[in-house]
Structure formats: C-alpha cells, structure tokens
Amino acid sequence: MERAMLGVSLRDQIRNEEIRRRTTVTDIAQRVAKLKWQWAGHIAWRTDGRWGLKVLEWRPRTGKRSVGRPPTRWTDDIRRVAGSRWRQAAQDRALWNSLQ
C-alpha cells in the first residue's frame, strides 16, 4: 500500500525502510509490540489483585497436551526480552522502559 502511495514498484528496488521514511508511516508490528510492552508493564505495576495479572498467570488445567508445537502465550514475547522474572523487572520503571 505504501508503494502505491508513492507510485513505486518492486522493480525500482527501493527498501521498505526508505519507503516508510518517505511516507512517515509507522510500522504496525512495532507499534503493536510497543503497546503490548506498555500494557504488560502497567499490569505488572498493579498490586491490588485485579483480574489483569490473574489472567496473565492463569494456566488451563486440561488432562491432555496437544500434539505438536505448543502455542505461543501472550507473555512469551515479554519473557524473551525481560527474562522469566519480568514482573520484578517491571517494578523498576526505568529498567522496564530501557528494555523496551
């Protein structure tokens, strides 16, 4: 869509970064990742026992495991960046924002 906005085809061999710079359109994947990170920090800072953190920690109790690769959980991306102790890391806002 951005290429169509500029009238550029793939044959012009212009990189996507250059096209985004020209159109000043933000990458939606980066925006979603940033919002997810901010929301995870917001939930981790809470100490009043609301549903948000309980839902993140909940694991369904099913008797059988499904075959194949396990599905990616919402917190897997956060654990990959901040480690398994991401909730403790989120308590320090400066550290949490630097990990983003």
Protein backbone atom coordinates (compact mmCIF):
# COMPACT_ATOMS: atom_id res chain seq x y z
CA MET A 1 0.00 0.00 0.00
CA GLU A 2 2.84 2.37 0.82
CA ARG A 3 4.47 1.63 -2.52
CA ALA A 4 1.20 2.50 -4.25
CA MET A 5 1.05 5.77 -2.32
CA LEU A 6 4.46 6.74 -3.71
CA GLY A 7 3.97 5.18 -7.13
CA VAL A 8 6.97 2.90 -6.59
CA SER A 9 7.15 -0.68 -7.88
CA LEU A 10 9.29 -3.58 -6.72
CA ARG A 11 11.42 -3.17 -9.83
CA ASP A 12 12.61 0.20 -8.53
CA GLN A 13 14.49 -1.72 -5.79
CA ILE A 14 13.74 0.72 -3.00
CA ARG A 15 13.92 -0.72 0.51
CA ASN A 16 10.88 -0.78 2.76
CA GLU A 17 12.67 1.37 5.35
CA GLU A 18 13.18 4.08 2.75
CA ILE A 19 9.54 3.92 1.70
CA ARG A 20 8.39 4.21 5.33
CA ARG A 21 10.71 7.17 5.82
CA ARG A 22 9.24 8.89 2.79
CA THR A 23 5.62 8.24 3.75
CA THR A 24 6.16 8.79 7.51
CA VAL A 25 4.02 5.72 8.21
CA THR A 26 4.92 3.76 11.33
CA ASP A 27 5.38 0.02 11.15
CA ILE A 28 2.27 -1.57 12.64
CA ALA A 29 4.20 -4.54 14.06
CA GLN A 30 6.49 -2.21 16.01
CA ARG A 31 3.52 -0.19 17.25
CA VAL A 32 1.67 -3.30 18.45
CA ALA A 33 4.81 -4.61 20.20
CA LYS A 34 5.30 -1.26 21.96
CA LEU A 35 1.68 -1.14 23.16
CA LYS A 36 1.91 -4.74 24.36
CA TRP A 37 5.08 -3.91 26.31
CA GLN A 38 3.47 -0.85 27.89
CA TRP A 39 0.35 -2.78 28.86
CA ALA A 40 2.40 -5.59 30.41
CA GLY A 41 4.27 -3.03 32.50
CA HIS A 42 1.01 -1.41 33.52
CA ILE A 43 -0.43 -4.74 34.63
CA ALA A 44 2.76 -5.75 36.49
CA TRP A 45 2.87 -2.44 38.42
CA ARG A 46 -0.56 -3.11 39.90
CA THR A 47 -0.60 -4.65 43.34
CA ASP A 48 -4.32 -4.61 44.07
CA GLY A 49 -5.00 -8.13 42.74
CA ARG A 50 -7.18 -7.19 39.79
CA TRP A 51 -8.08 -9.59 37.02
CA GLY A 52 -5.42 -8.50 34.52
CA LEU A 53 -2.49 -10.12 36.28
CA LYS A 54 -4.52 -13.17 37.27
CA VAL A 55 -5.43 -13.74 33.63
CA LEU A 56 -1.78 -13.48 32.57
CA GLU A 57 -0.74 -16.07 35.14
CA TRP A 58 -3.65 -18.47 34.56
CA ARG A 59 -2.89 -21.87 33.10
CA PRO A 60 -5.77 -24.08 31.97
CA ARG A 61 -5.97 -27.46 33.66
CA THR A 62 -6.57 -29.86 30.85
CA GLY A 63 -5.68 -33.51 31.18
CA LYS A 64 -4.06 -33.96 27.78
CA ARG A 65 -1.44 -31.94 25.97
CA SER A 66 -1.99 -31.21 22.31
CA VAL A 67 0.28 -32.76 19.72
CA GLY A 68 2.97 -30.63 18.10
CA ARG A 69 4.49 -27.32 18.98
CA PRO A 70 2.88 -25.61 21.98
CA PRO A 71 1.01 -22.41 21.16
CA THR A 72 2.77 -19.14 21.87
CA ARG A 73 1.47 -17.47 25.00
CA TRP A 74 0.99 -13.73 25.31
CA THR A 75 3.81 -13.44 27.86
CA ASP A 76 6.33 -15.44 25.82
CA ASP A 77 7.47 -12.34 23.90
CA ILE A 78 7.90 -10.42 27.13
CA ARG A 79 9.81 -13.26 28.78
CA ARG A 80 12.11 -13.47 25.76
CA VAL A 81 13.18 -9.84 26.28
CA ALA A 82 12.92 -9.32 30.05
CA GLY A 83 13.50 -12.86 31.31
CA SER A 84 11.41 -15.13 33.46
CA ARG A 85 11.33 -12.57 36.27
CA TRP A 86 9.70 -9.93 34.07
CA ARG A 87 7.20 -8.90 36.74
CA GLN A 88 10.01 -7.98 39.13
CA ALA A 89 11.83 -6.15 36.34
CA ALA A 90 8.66 -4.18 35.60
CA GLN A 91 8.59 -2.81 39.15
CA ASP A 92 11.60 -0.65 38.26
CA ARG A 93 10.10 1.64 35.64
CA ALA A 94 13.43 2.98 34.40
CA LEU A 95 14.71 -0.56 33.83
CA TRP A 96 11.43 -1.62 32.21
CA ASN A 97 11.42 1.31 29.79
CA SER A 98 15.08 0.71 28.91
CA LEU A 99 14.29 -2.90 27.96
CA GLN A 100 11.64 -1.74 25.53
